[in-house]
Amino acid sequence: MNPKTKGRDLGGWATGFCLVAGVGILVGLGPVSEGSGLAEPLQASTATSPDGATPQAAFDYYVQNIEPMFLRPRGYPGSTDGNPACVMCHVWQTSVRFSLEEPTDTPDGGAWSEEQSRRNYEMVTQLVNASDPESSRLLTKPLATAAGGARHTGGNHWDSTEDPEYQVILDWVRALPAAEFTPAEPEVAVDFEYYRSCVHPNVLSVGNYGQLACTSCHAGGSAGFAPRSADGAGLTVAQARQGFEALQRLIVPGDPVGSRFLRKPLHPDGGGAYAHNGVRRWQNRSDPEWQTLAAWIRGELTGSECSPIY
């Protein structure tokens, strides 16, 4: 496939799904709940792959029951029309955390080799939490917000936690060894006082290059990381805490590049996310403001004294 047409030439992948592992293993085209019914729950196993890198049983279960979901057609957000699949965004949008290998075109649609599946597996397992399976990003992002899910630009794939796909993934995560598949605690803390004194008044409340300020869209709701004060003065401590807490789900402490707070407003040509309903605040990561916020997320800026850029 021509890499320049990624995202536009995915019809073959979305017509169904198949999977090639080794000499070729094909997986059925119906939903998980069709045919022979739900996948059997994964039993915990200590068996390892030939290279000792991954638990073989967990990988095999992933290949057979979970990876095919990424090629399954979906409806467009808010509509039953169209057939977009996970691969239609998460192959060519390489700046997002859920970034899949590009499937190989086949007469049946698309396929991943075993080597590609192992790379997908390594990426996917970074989005699970075996110590608290229901909190795994792999489960919360496609889940409707009304059912406890996280906001997802690609829409809601599951209306409730009773969806068969959700249950299959949940069973898999529950069987993973918690010692190996629990996210590490962040080594740095993103400072609240710097958010209140510097980030909110100088970044979130001010437009860049004549554009809308973040507060224009993100003043309230689950994405309300840029609240506005009622009297136009500074935020109260309670208001600032509320905005700061909302911002935490968009930040990966210590990892500016992996933080959606810095990816979404960044132009795609500069390494930003493709989808952002708002404006692009920065053209590239060399922007002084982006660099300042990156230093804050790395834990290098704290307190009420703002950097020279402000």
C-alpha atoms as a PDB file:
ATOM      1  CA  MET A   1       0.000   0.000   0.000  1.00  0.00           C
ATOM      2  CA  ASN A   2       1.207   3.483  -0.843  1.00  0.00           C
ATOM      3  CA  PRO A   3       1.979   5.192   2.495  1.00  0.00           C
ATOM      4  CA  LYS A   4       0.785   8.492   1.031  1.00  0.00           C
ATOM      5  CA  THR A   5      -2.725   7.082   0.729  1.00  0.00           C
ATOM      6  CA  LYS A   6      -3.005   5.688   4.257  1.00  0.00           C
ATOM      7  CA  GLY A   7      -6.394   6.579   5.668  1.00  0.00           C
ATOM      8  CA  ARG A   8      -7.895   6.933   2.184  1.00  0.00           C
ATOM      9  CA  ASP A   9      -7.292   3.471   0.760  1.00  0.00           C
ATOM     10  CA  LEU A  10      -8.481   1.248   3.586  1.00  0.00           C
ATOM     11  CA  GLY A  11     -11.540  -0.228   1.941  1.00  0.00           C
ATOM     12  CA  GLY A  12      -9.978  -3.670   1.681  1.00  0.00           C
ATOM     13  CA  TRP A  13      -9.124  -3.741   5.365  1.00  0.00           C
ATOM     14  CA  ALA A  14     -12.606  -2.670   6.435  1.00  0.00           C
ATOM     15  CA  THR A  15     -14.651  -5.114   4.360  1.00  0.00           C
ATOM     16  CA  GLY A  16     -13.886  -7.853   6.855  1.00  0.00           C
ATOM     17  CA  PHE A  17     -10.877  -9.062   8.715  1.00  0.00           C
ATOM     18  CA  CYS A  18      -8.396 -11.839   8.630  1.00  0.00           C
ATOM     19  CA  LEU A  19      -5.160 -12.514  10.339  1.00  0.00           C
ATOM     20  CA  VAL A  20      -2.003 -14.189   9.161  1.00  0.00           C
ATOM     21  CA  ALA A  21       0.240 -15.744  11.798  1.00  0.00           C
ATOM     22  CA  GLY A  22       3.225 -17.731  10.653  1.00  0.00           C
ATOM     23  CA  VAL A  23       2.015 -19.722   7.642  1.00  0.00           C
ATOM     24  CA  GLY A  24      -1.380 -18.043   7.847  1.00  0.00           C
ATOM     25  CA  ILE A  25      -4.266 -18.228  10.295  1.00  0.00           C
ATOM     26  CA  LEU A  26      -7.585 -16.838   9.161  1.00  0.00           C
ATOM     27  CA  VAL A  27     -10.102 -15.577  11.697  1.00  0.00           C
ATOM     28  CA  GLY A  28     -13.859 -15.420  11.031  1.00  0.00           C
ATOM     29  CA  LEU A  29     -15.690 -12.393   9.689  1.00  0.00           C
ATOM     30  CA  GLY A  30     -18.613 -12.155  12.109  1.00  0.00           C
ATOM     31  CA  PRO A  31     -18.825 -10.369  15.453  1.00  0.00           C
ATOM     32  CA  VAL A  32     -17.439 -12.171  18.467  1.00  0.00           C
ATOM     33  CA  SER A  33     -20.953 -13.074  19.585  1.00  0.00           C
ATOM     34  CA  GLU A  34     -21.810 -14.816  16.316  1.00  0.00           C
ATOM     35  CA  GLY A  35     -20.931 -18.277  15.139  1.00  0.00           C
ATOM     36  CA  SER A  36     -19.549 -20.394  17.975  1.00  0.00           C
ATOM     37  CA  GLY A  37     -20.319 -17.713  20.574  1.00  0.00           C
ATOM     38  CA  LEU A  38     -18.008 -15.776  22.839  1.00  0.00           C
ATOM     39  CA  ALA A  39     -14.373 -16.711  23.089  1.00  0.00           C
ATOM     40  CA  GLU A  40     -13.512 -19.006  25.965  1.00  0.00           C
ATOM     41  CA  PRO A  41     -11.968 -17.022  28.857  1.00  0.00           C
ATOM     42  CA  LEU A  42      -8.196 -17.079  28.882  1.00  0.00           C
ATOM     43  CA  GLN A  43      -6.658 -19.185  31.628  1.00  0.00           C
ATOM     44  CA  ALA A  44      -3.539 -17.834  33.275  1.00  0.00           C
ATOM     45  CA  SER A  45      -0.443 -19.540  31.927  1.00  0.00           C
ATOM     46  CA  THR A  46       3.287 -19.386  32.552  1.00  0.00           C
ATOM     47  CA  ALA A  47       4.132 -20.669  29.076  1.00  0.00           C
ATOM     48  CA  THR A  48       6.409 -18.311  27.197  1.00  0.00           C
ATOM     49  CA  SER A  49       7.054 -17.657  23.564  1.00  0.00           C
ATOM     50  CA  PRO A  50      10.169 -19.127  21.898  1.00  0.00           C
ATOM     51  CA  ASP A  51      12.157 -15.978  22.592  1.00  0.00           C
ATOM     52  CA  GLY A  52      10.828 -15.723  26.145  1.00  0.00           C
ATOM     53  CA  ALA A  53       9.506 -12.207  25.518  1.00  0.00           C
ATOM     54  CA  THR A  54       5.761 -12.695  25.972  1.00  0.00           C
ATOM     55  CA  PRO A  55       3.448 -15.180  27.687  1.00  0.00           C
ATOM     56  CA  GLN A  56       2.538 -17.413  24.755  1.00  0.00           C
ATOM     57  CA  ALA A  57      -1.013 -18.171  25.907  1.00  0.00           C
ATOM     58  CA  ALA A  58      -1.814 -14.468  26.308  1.00  0.00           C
ATOM     59  CA  PHE A  59      -0.378 -13.673  22.883  1.00  0.00           C
ATOM     60  CA  ASP A  60      -2.213 -16.533  21.175  1.00  0.00           C
ATOM     61  CA  TYR A  61      -5.502 -15.469  22.765  1.00  0.00           C
ATOM     62  CA  TYR A  62      -4.876 -11.885  21.639  1.00  0.00           C
ATOM     63  CA  VAL A  63      -4.187 -13.007  18.058  1.00  0.00           C
ATOM     64  CA  GLN A  64      -7.242 -15.230  17.850  1.00  0.00           C
ATOM     65  CA  ASN A  65      -9.822 -13.112  19.678  1.00  0.00           C
ATOM     66  CA  ILE A  66      -8.760  -9.478  20.091  1.00  0.00           C
ATOM     67  CA  GLU A  67      -6.608  -8.314  17.195  1.00  0.00           C
ATOM     68  CA  PRO A  68      -9.338  -9.136  14.641  1.00  0.00           C
ATOM     69  CA  MET A  69     -11.547  -6.527  16.322  1.00  0.00           C
ATOM     70  CA  PHE A  70      -9.206  -3.819  15.050  1.00  0.00           C
ATOM     71  CA  LEU A  71     -10.154  -4.642  11.454  1.00  0.00           C
ATOM     72  CA  ARG A  72     -13.881  -5.006  12.095  1.00  0.00           C
ATOM     73  CA  PRO A  73     -16.114  -2.419  10.370  1.00  0.00           C
ATOM     74  CA  ARG A  74     -17.711   0.174  12.621  1.00  0.00           C
ATOM     75  CA  GLY A  75     -20.367   2.822  12.145  1.00  0.00           C
ATOM     76  CA  TYR A  76     -19.387   6.473  12.009  1.00  0.00           C
ATOM     77  CA  PRO A  77     -19.895   8.324  15.300  1.00  0.00           C
ATOM     78  CA  GLY A  78     -23.578   9.133  15.760  1.00  0.00           C
ATOM     79  CA  SER A  79     -24.578   7.248  12.636  1.00  0.00           C
ATOM     80  CA  THR A  80     -25.143   3.716  11.423  1.00  0.00           C
ATOM     81  CA  ASP A  81     -23.717   4.615   8.007  1.00  0.00           C
ATOM     82  CA  GLY A  82     -20.218   3.822   6.825  1.00  0.00           C
ATOM     83  CA  ASN A  83     -17.760   1.114   7.796  1.00  0.00           C
ATOM     84  CA  PRO A  84     -14.717   2.640   9.496  1.00  0.00           C
ATOM     85  CA  ALA A  85     -12.565   0.257  11.513  1.00  0.00           C
ATOM     86  CA  CYS A  86      -9.880   0.939  14.130  1.00  0.00           C
ATOM     87  CA  VAL A  87      -7.215   0.579  11.437  1.00  0.00           C
ATOM     88  CA  MET A  88      -8.718   3.453   9.472  1.00  0.00           C
ATOM     89  CA  CYS A  89      -7.287   5.900  12.029  1.00  0.00           C
ATOM     90  CA  HIS A  90      -4.842   3.967  14.161  1.00  0.00           C
ATOM     91  CA  VAL A  91      -2.489   2.827  11.393  1.00  0.00           C
ATOM     92  CA  TRP A  92      -1.581   6.125   9.791  1.00  0.00           C
ATOM     93  CA  GLN A  93      -2.026   8.340  12.889  1.00  0.00           C
ATOM     94  CA  THR A  94       1.302   7.259  14.299  1.00  0.00           C
ATOM     95  CA  SER A  95       1.425  10.014  16.941  1.00  0.00           C
ATOM     96  CA  VAL A  96      -1.322   8.382  19.020  1.00  0.00           C
ATOM     97  CA  ARG A  97      -0.599   5.807  21.724  1.00  0.00           C
ATOM     98  CA  PHE A  98      -2.754   3.175  20.025  1.00  0.00           C
ATOM     99  CA  SER A  99      -0.741   2.861  16.809  1.00  0.00           C
ATOM    100  CA  LEU A 100      -1.138  -0.355  14.796  1.00  0.00           C
ATOM    101  CA  GLU A 101       1.095  -1.899  12.172  1.00  0.00           C
ATOM    102  CA  GLU A 102      -0.104  -1.456   8.593  1.00  0.00           C
ATOM    103  CA  PRO A 103      -1.868  -4.647   7.476  1.00  0.00           C
ATOM    104  CA  THR A 104      -0.899  -6.272   4.210  1.00  0.00           C
ATOM    105  CA  ASP A 105      -3.548  -6.139   1.506  1.00  0.00           C
ATOM    106  CA  THR A 106      -5.001  -9.570   0.754  1.00  0.00           C
ATOM    107  CA  PRO A 107      -7.883 -10.785  -1.434  1.00  0.00           C
ATOM    108  CA  ASP A 108      -9.867 -11.212   1.793  1.00  0.00           C
ATOM    109  CA  GLY A 109      -9.209  -7.678   3.021  1.00  0.00           C
ATOM    110  CA  GLY A 110      -6.144  -7.262   5.216  1.00  0.00           C
ATOM    111  CA  ALA A 111      -3.765  -9.341   7.285  1.00  0.00           C
ATOM    112  CA  TRP A 112      -0.971  -9.035   9.815  1.00  0.00           C
ATOM    113  CA  SER A 113       2.053 -11.292   9.874  1.00  0.00           C
ATOM    114  CA  GLU A 114       3.048 -12.906  13.167  1.00  0.00           C
ATOM    115  CA  GLU A 115       5.919 -10.431  13.504  1.00  0.00           C
ATOM    116  CA  GLN A 116       3.514  -7.516  13.006  1.00  0.00           C
ATOM    117  CA  SER A 117       1.062  -9.041  15.474  1.00  0.00           C
ATOM    118  CA  ARG A 118       3.803  -9.235  18.080  1.00  0.00           C
ATOM    119  CA  ARG A 119       4.578  -5.539  17.596  1.00  0.00           C
ATOM    120  CA  ASN A 120       0.865  -4.755  17.866  1.00  0.00           C
ATOM    121  CA  TYR A 121       0.723  -6.885  21.013  1.00  0.00           C
ATOM    122  CA  GLU A 122       3.597  -4.979  22.611  1.00  0.00           C
ATOM    123  CA  MET A 123       1.804  -1.708  21.893  1.00  0.00           C
ATOM    124  CA  VAL A 124      -1.638  -2.911  23.019  1.00  0.00           C
ATOM    125  CA  THR A 125      -0.350  -4.313  26.306  1.00  0.00           C
ATOM    126  CA  GLN A 126       0.909  -0.843  27.196  1.00  0.00           C
ATOM    127  CA  LEU A 127      -2.743   0.243  27.230  1.00  0.00           C
ATOM    128  CA  VAL A 128      -3.939  -2.307  29.795  1.00  0.00           C
ATOM    129  CA  ASN A 129      -3.813  -2.456  33.574  1.00  0.00           C
ATOM    130  CA  ALA A 130      -3.971  -5.991  34.916  1.00  0.00           C
ATOM    131  CA  SER A 131      -4.183  -4.650  38.480  1.00  0.00           C
ATOM    132  CA  ASP A 132      -7.348  -2.718  37.615  1.00  0.00           C
ATOM    133  CA  PRO A 133      -8.616  -4.194  34.321  1.00  0.00           C
ATOM    134  CA  GLU A 134     -11.686  -1.961  33.984  1.00  0.00           C
ATOM    135  CA  SER A 135      -9.445   1.137  33.984  1.00  0.00           C
ATOM    136  CA  SER A 136      -7.468  -0.053  30.929  1.00  0.00           C
ATOM    137  CA  ARG A 137      -7.426   2.520  28.122  1.00  0.00           C
ATOM    138  CA  LEU A 138      -8.025  -0.318  25.683  1.00  0.00           C
ATOM    139  CA  LEU A 139     -11.435  -0.701  27.345  1.00  0.00           C
ATOM    140  CA  THR A 140     -12.346   2.855  28.289  1.00  0.00           C
ATOM    141  CA  LYS A 141     -11.661   4.613  24.980  1.00  0.00           C
ATOM    142  CA  PRO A 142     -14.167   2.661  22.808  1.00  0.00           C
ATOM    143  CA  LEU A 143     -16.760   2.572  25.625  1.00  0.00           C
ATOM    144  CA  ALA A 144     -19.607   5.100  25.708  1.00  0.00           C
ATOM    145  CA  THR A 145     -19.024   7.879  28.226  1.00  0.00           C
ATOM    146  CA  ALA A 146     -22.477   7.225  29.690  1.00  0.00           C
ATOM    147  CA  ALA A 147     -21.238   3.738  30.586  1.00  0.00           C
ATOM    148  CA  GLY A 148     -18.035   5.010  32.194  1.00  0.00           C
ATOM    149  CA  GLY A 149     -15.869   5.295  29.092  1.00  0.00           C
ATOM    150  CA  ALA A 150     -13.428   8.015  28.076  1.00  0.00           C
ATOM    151  CA  ARG A 151     -13.953  10.535  25.294  1.00  0.00           C
ATOM    152  CA  HIS A 152     -12.879   9.108  21.934  1.00  0.00           C
ATOM    153  CA  THR A 153     -12.610  11.019  18.672  1.00  0.00           C
ATOM    154  CA  GLY A 154     -13.426   7.804  16.822  1.00  0.00           C
ATOM    155  CA  GLY A 155     -16.773   7.465  18.581  1.00  0.00           C
ATOM    156  CA  ASN A 156     -18.251   4.832  20.849  1.00  0.00           C
ATOM    157  CA  HIS A 157     -17.979   1.205  19.772  1.00  0.00           C
ATOM    158  CA  TRP A 158     -19.651  -0.240  22.874  1.00  0.00           C
ATOM    159  CA  ASP A 159     -22.795   1.124  24.521  1.00  0.00           C
ATOM    160  CA  SER A 160     -22.200  -0.772  27.747  1.00  0.00           C
ATOM    161  CA  THR A 161     -19.752  -3.024  29.543  1.00  0.00           C
ATOM    162  CA  GLU A 162     -22.006  -5.946  28.628  1.00  0.00           C
ATOM    163  CA  ASP A 163     -20.930  -5.745  24.986  1.00  0.00           C
ATOM    164  CA  PRO A 164     -19.430  -9.108  23.927  1.00  0.00           C
ATOM    165  CA  GLU A 165     -16.249  -7.467  22.621  1.00  0.00           C
ATOM    166  CA  TYR A 166     -15.740  -5.603  25.885  1.00  0.00           C
ATOM    167  CA  GLN A 167     -16.178  -8.813  27.850  1.00  0.00           C
ATOM    168  CA  VAL A 168     -13.663 -10.728  25.703  1.00  0.00           C
ATOM    169  CA  ILE A 169     -10.995  -8.052  26.193  1.00  0.00           C
ATOM    170  CA  LEU A 170     -11.792  -7.785  29.903  1.00  0.00           C
ATOM    171  CA  ASP A 171     -11.355 -11.552  30.363  1.00  0.00           C
ATOM    172  CA  TRP A 172      -7.990 -11.334  28.615  1.00  0.00           C
ATOM    173  CA  VAL A 173      -6.735  -8.430  30.736  1.00  0.00           C
ATOM    174  CA  ARG A 174      -7.864 -10.143  33.937  1.00  0.00           C
ATOM    175  CA  ALA A 175      -5.771 -13.196  33.077  1.00  0.00           C
ATOM    176  CA  LEU A 176      -2.574 -11.217  32.439  1.00  0.00           C
ATOM    177  CA  PRO A 177       0.059 -11.275  35.214  1.00  0.00           C
ATOM    178  CA  ALA A 178      -0.399  -8.079  37.218  1.00  0.00           C
ATOM    179  CA  ALA A 179       3.327  -7.871  37.945  1.00  0.00           C
ATOM    180  CA  GLU A 180       4.095  -7.548  34.231  1.00  0.00           C
ATOM    181  CA  PHE A 181       1.072  -5.652  32.928  1.00  0.00           C
ATOM    182  CA  THR A 182       0.482  -2.859  35.433  1.00  0.00           C
ATOM    183  CA  PRO A 183       1.492   0.680  34.382  1.00  0.00           C
ATOM    184  CA  ALA A 184       4.395   2.041  36.356  1.00  0.00           C
ATOM    185  CA  GLU A 185       3.768   4.924  38.708  1.00  0.00           C
ATOM    186  CA  PRO A 186       4.923   8.220  37.154  1.00  0.00           C
ATOM    187  CA  GLU A 187       8.385   9.235  38.288  1.00  0.00           C
ATOM    188  CA  VAL A 188       7.549  12.935  38.154  1.00  0.00           C
ATOM    189  CA  ALA A 189       4.617  15.006  39.367  1.00  0.00           C
ATOM    190  CA  VAL A 190       3.033  17.705  37.227  1.00  0.00           C
ATOM    191  CA  ASP A 191       2.776  20.767  39.462  1.00  0.00           C
ATOM    192  CA  PHE A 192      -0.649  22.208  40.292  1.00  0.00           C
ATOM    193  CA  GLU A 193       0.589  25.648  41.350  1.00  0.00           C
ATOM    194  CA  TYR A 194       2.315  26.176  38.004  1.00  0.00           C
ATOM    195  CA  TYR A 195      -0.952  25.246  36.255  1.00  0.00           C
ATOM    196  CA  ARG A 196      -2.894  27.755  38.339  1.00  0.00           C
ATOM    197  CA  SER A 197      -0.372  30.600  38.133  1.00  0.00           C
ATOM    198  CA  CYS A 198       1.080  30.162  34.649  1.00  0.00           C
ATOM    199  CA  VAL A 199      -0.605  27.600  32.414  1.00  0.00           C
ATOM    200  CA  HIS A 200      -4.217  28.622  32.922  1.00  0.00           C
ATOM    201  CA  PRO A 201      -3.884  32.431  32.699  1.00  0.00           C
ATOM    202  CA  ASN A 202      -1.153  32.549  30.046  1.00  0.00           C
ATOM    203  CA  VAL A 203      -1.950  29.566  27.813  1.00  0.00           C
ATOM    204  CA  LEU A 204      -5.471  28.263  28.245  1.00  0.00           C
ATOM    205  CA  SER A 205      -7.110  31.686  28.530  1.00  0.00           C
ATOM    206  CA  VAL A 206      -5.215  33.363  25.686  1.00  0.00           C
ATOM    207  CA  GLY A 207      -5.525  32.693  21.978  1.00  0.00           C
ATOM    208  CA  ASN A 208      -2.366  32.156  19.965  1.00  0.00           C
ATOM    209  CA  TYR A 209      -1.846  33.875  16.586  1.00  0.00           C
ATOM    210  CA  GLY A 210      -5.311  35.419  16.869  1.00  0.00           C
ATOM    211  CA  GLN A 211      -7.004  32.057  17.389  1.00  0.00           C
ATOM    212  CA  LEU A 212      -9.616  31.031  19.924  1.00  0.00           C
ATOM    213  CA  ALA A 213      -8.447  30.412  23.459  1.00  0.00           C
ATOM    214  CA  CYS A 214      -8.783  26.928  24.961  1.00  0.00           C
ATOM    215  CA  THR A 215     -11.439  28.295  27.329  1.00  0.00           C
ATOM    216  CA  SER A 216     -13.725  28.836  24.337  1.00  0.00           C
ATOM    217  CA  CYS A 217     -14.366  25.090  24.106  1.00  0.00           C
ATOM    218  CA  HIS A 218     -12.876  23.515  27.223  1.00  0.00           C
ATOM    219  CA  ALA A 219     -14.426  25.576  30.017  1.00  0.00           C
ATOM    220  CA  GLY A 220     -16.684  22.812  31.318  1.00  0.00           C
ATOM    221  CA  GLY A 221     -17.753  19.204  31.096  1.00  0.00           C
ATOM    222  CA  SER A 222     -15.504  16.168  31.115  1.00  0.00           C
ATOM    223  CA  ALA A 223     -13.003  18.073  28.948  1.00  0.00           C
ATOM    224  CA  GLY A 224     -13.174  21.188  31.114  1.00  0.00           C
ATOM    225  CA  PHE A 225      -9.464  21.658  31.703  1.00  0.00           C
ATOM    226  CA  ALA A 226      -9.705  25.413  31.004  1.00  0.00           C
ATOM    227  CA  PRO A 227     -12.511  26.734  33.256  1.00  0.00           C
ATOM    228  CA  ARG A 228     -13.550  30.374  33.251  1.00  0.00           C
ATOM    229  CA  SER A 229     -14.123  32.366  36.419  1.00  0.00           C
ATOM    230  CA  ALA A 230     -17.563  33.870  36.867  1.00  0.00           C
ATOM    231  CA  ASP A 231     -16.312  37.428  37.420  1.00  0.00           C
ATOM    232  CA  GLY A 232     -13.488  37.397  34.886  1.00  0.00           C
ATOM    233  CA  ALA A 233     -10.858  37.478  37.605  1.00  0.00           C
ATOM    234  CA  GLY A 234      -8.520  34.658  38.486  1.00  0.00           C
ATOM    235  CA  LEU A 235      -9.752  31.181  39.320  1.00  0.00           C
ATOM    236  CA  THR A 236     -10.490  30.176  42.868  1.00  0.00           C
ATOM    237  CA  VAL A 237      -8.443  27.298  44.230  1.00  0.00           C
ATOM    238  CA  ALA A 238     -11.472  25.015  43.851  1.00  0.00           C
ATOM    239  CA  GLN A 239     -11.996  26.021  40.204  1.00  0.00           C
ATOM    240  CA  ALA A 240      -8.313  25.576  39.443  1.00  0.00           C
ATOM    241  CA  ARG A 241      -8.311  22.145  41.091  1.00  0.00           C
ATOM    242  CA  GLN A 242     -11.268  21.094  38.977  1.00  0.00           C
ATOM    243  CA  GLY A 243      -9.572  22.189  35.761  1.00  0.00           C
ATOM    244  CA  PHE A 244      -6.275  20.621  36.788  1.00  0.00           C
ATOM    245  CA  GLU A 245      -7.955  17.284  37.525  1.00  0.00           C
ATOM    246  CA  ALA A 246      -9.691  17.341  34.129  1.00  0.00           C
ATOM    247  CA  LEU A 247      -6.328  17.981  32.488  1.00  0.00           C
ATOM    248  CA  GLN A 248      -4.714  14.947  34.128  1.00  0.00           C
ATOM    249  CA  ARG A 249      -6.342  12.509  31.706  1.00  0.00           C
ATOM    250  CA  LEU A 250      -4.654  14.394  28.836  1.00  0.00           C
ATOM    251  CA  ILE A 251      -1.191  14.318  30.387  1.00  0.00           C
ATOM    252  CA  VAL A 252       1.347  11.517  30.740  1.00  0.00           C
ATOM    253  CA  PRO A 253       3.657  12.786  33.513  1.00  0.00           C
ATOM    254  CA  GLY A 254       7.227  12.868  32.278  1.00  0.00           C
ATOM    255  CA  ASP A 255       6.206  12.271  28.652  1.00  0.00           C
ATOM    256  CA  PRO A 256       5.253  15.467  26.775  1.00  0.00           C
ATOM    257  CA  VAL A 257       5.206  13.765  23.359  1.00  0.00           C
ATOM    258  CA  GLY A 258       2.811  11.116  24.650  1.00  0.00           C
ATOM    259  CA  SER A 259       0.492  13.678  26.267  1.00  0.00           C
ATOM    260  CA  ARG A 260      -2.645  14.514  24.326  1.00  0.00           C
ATOM    261  CA  PHE A 261      -2.632  17.975  25.871  1.00  0.00           C
ATOM    262  CA  LEU A 262       0.417  18.756  23.732  1.00  0.00           C
ATOM    263  CA  ARG A 263      -0.465  16.578  20.733  1.00  0.00           C
ATOM    264  CA  LYS A 264      -3.990  17.753  19.989  1.00  0.00           C
ATOM    265  CA  PRO A 265      -3.237  21.469  19.373  1.00  0.00           C
ATOM    266  CA  LEU A 266       0.002  20.620  17.526  1.00  0.00           C
ATOM    267  CA  HIS A 267      -0.081  20.605  13.726  1.00  0.00           C
ATOM    268  CA  PRO A 268       0.056  17.058  12.264  1.00  0.00           C
ATOM    269  CA  ASP A 269       3.058  18.003  10.133  1.00  0.00           C
ATOM    270  CA  GLY A 270       4.863  18.876  13.348  1.00  0.00           C
ATOM    271  CA  GLY A 271       4.039  15.602  15.071  1.00  0.00           C
ATOM    272  CA  GLY A 272       0.578  16.424  16.368  1.00  0.00           C
ATOM    273  CA  ALA A 273      -2.607  14.381  16.356  1.00  0.00           C
ATOM    274  CA  TYR A 274      -4.630  14.388  13.164  1.00  0.00           C
ATOM    275  CA  ALA A 275      -7.976  14.906  14.873  1.00  0.00           C
ATOM    276  CA  HIS A 276      -8.667  18.072  16.852  1.00  0.00           C
ATOM    277  CA  ASN A 277     -11.966  19.902  16.595  1.00  0.00           C
ATOM    278  CA  GLY A 278     -10.285  23.107  17.675  1.00  0.00           C
ATOM    279  CA  VAL A 279      -7.459  25.148  16.207  1.00  0.00           C
ATOM    280  CA  ARG A 280      -3.780  24.274  15.891  1.00  0.00           C
ATOM    281  CA  ARG A 281      -1.924  26.352  18.425  1.00  0.00           C
ATOM    282  CA  TRP A 282       1.601  25.237  17.503  1.00  0.00           C
ATOM    283  CA  GLN A 283       3.130  24.411  14.127  1.00  0.00           C
ATOM    284  CA  ASN A 284       5.912  22.255  15.564  1.00  0.00           C
ATOM    285  CA  ARG A 285       7.553  21.228  18.825  1.00  0.00           C
ATOM    286  CA  SER A 286      10.112  24.007  18.530  1.00  0.00           C
ATOM    287  CA  ASP A 287       7.457  26.553  19.492  1.00  0.00           C
ATOM    288  CA  PRO A 288       8.649  28.206  22.741  1.00  0.00           C
ATOM    289  CA  GLU A 289       5.255  27.761  24.356  1.00  0.00           C
ATOM    290  CA  TRP A 290       5.180  24.039  23.494  1.00  0.00           C
ATOM    291  CA  GLN A 291       8.685  23.693  24.916  1.00  0.00           C
ATOM    292  CA  THR A 292       7.660  25.442  28.136  1.00  0.00           C
ATOM    293  CA  LEU A 293       4.652  23.188  28.631  1.00  0.00           C
ATOM    294  CA  ALA A 294       6.812  20.162  27.844  1.00  0.00           C
ATOM    295  CA  ALA A 295       9.212  21.199  30.611  1.00  0.00           C
ATOM    296  CA  TRP A 296       6.255  21.509  32.989  1.00  0.00           C
ATOM    297  CA  ILE A 297       5.035  18.003  32.122  1.00  0.00           C
ATOM    298  CA  ARG A 298       8.564  16.690  32.671  1.00  0.00           C
ATOM    299  CA  GLY A 299       8.381  18.119  36.185  1.00  0.00           C
ATOM    300  CA  GLU A 300      11.000  20.794  35.529  1.00  0.00           C
ATOM    301  CA  LEU A 301       8.752  23.823  36.157  1.00  0.00           C
ATOM    302  CA  THR A 302       6.980  24.273  39.482  1.00  0.00           C
ATOM    303  CA  GLY A 303       5.610  27.010  41.682  1.00  0.00           C
ATOM    304  CA  SER A 304       4.083  30.380  40.851  1.00  0.00           C
ATOM    305  CA  GLU A 305       7.078  31.914  39.059  1.00  0.00           C
ATOM    306  CA  CYS A 306       6.400  31.629  35.344  1.00  0.00           C
ATOM    307  CA  SER A 307       9.062  31.055  32.722  1.00  0.00           C
ATOM    308  CA  PRO A 308      10.448  33.999  30.702  1.00  0.00           C
ATOM    309  CA  ILE A 309       8.118  33.252  27.799  1.00  0.00           C
ATOM    310  CA  TYR A 310       5.257  34.561  29.912  1.00  0.00           C
END
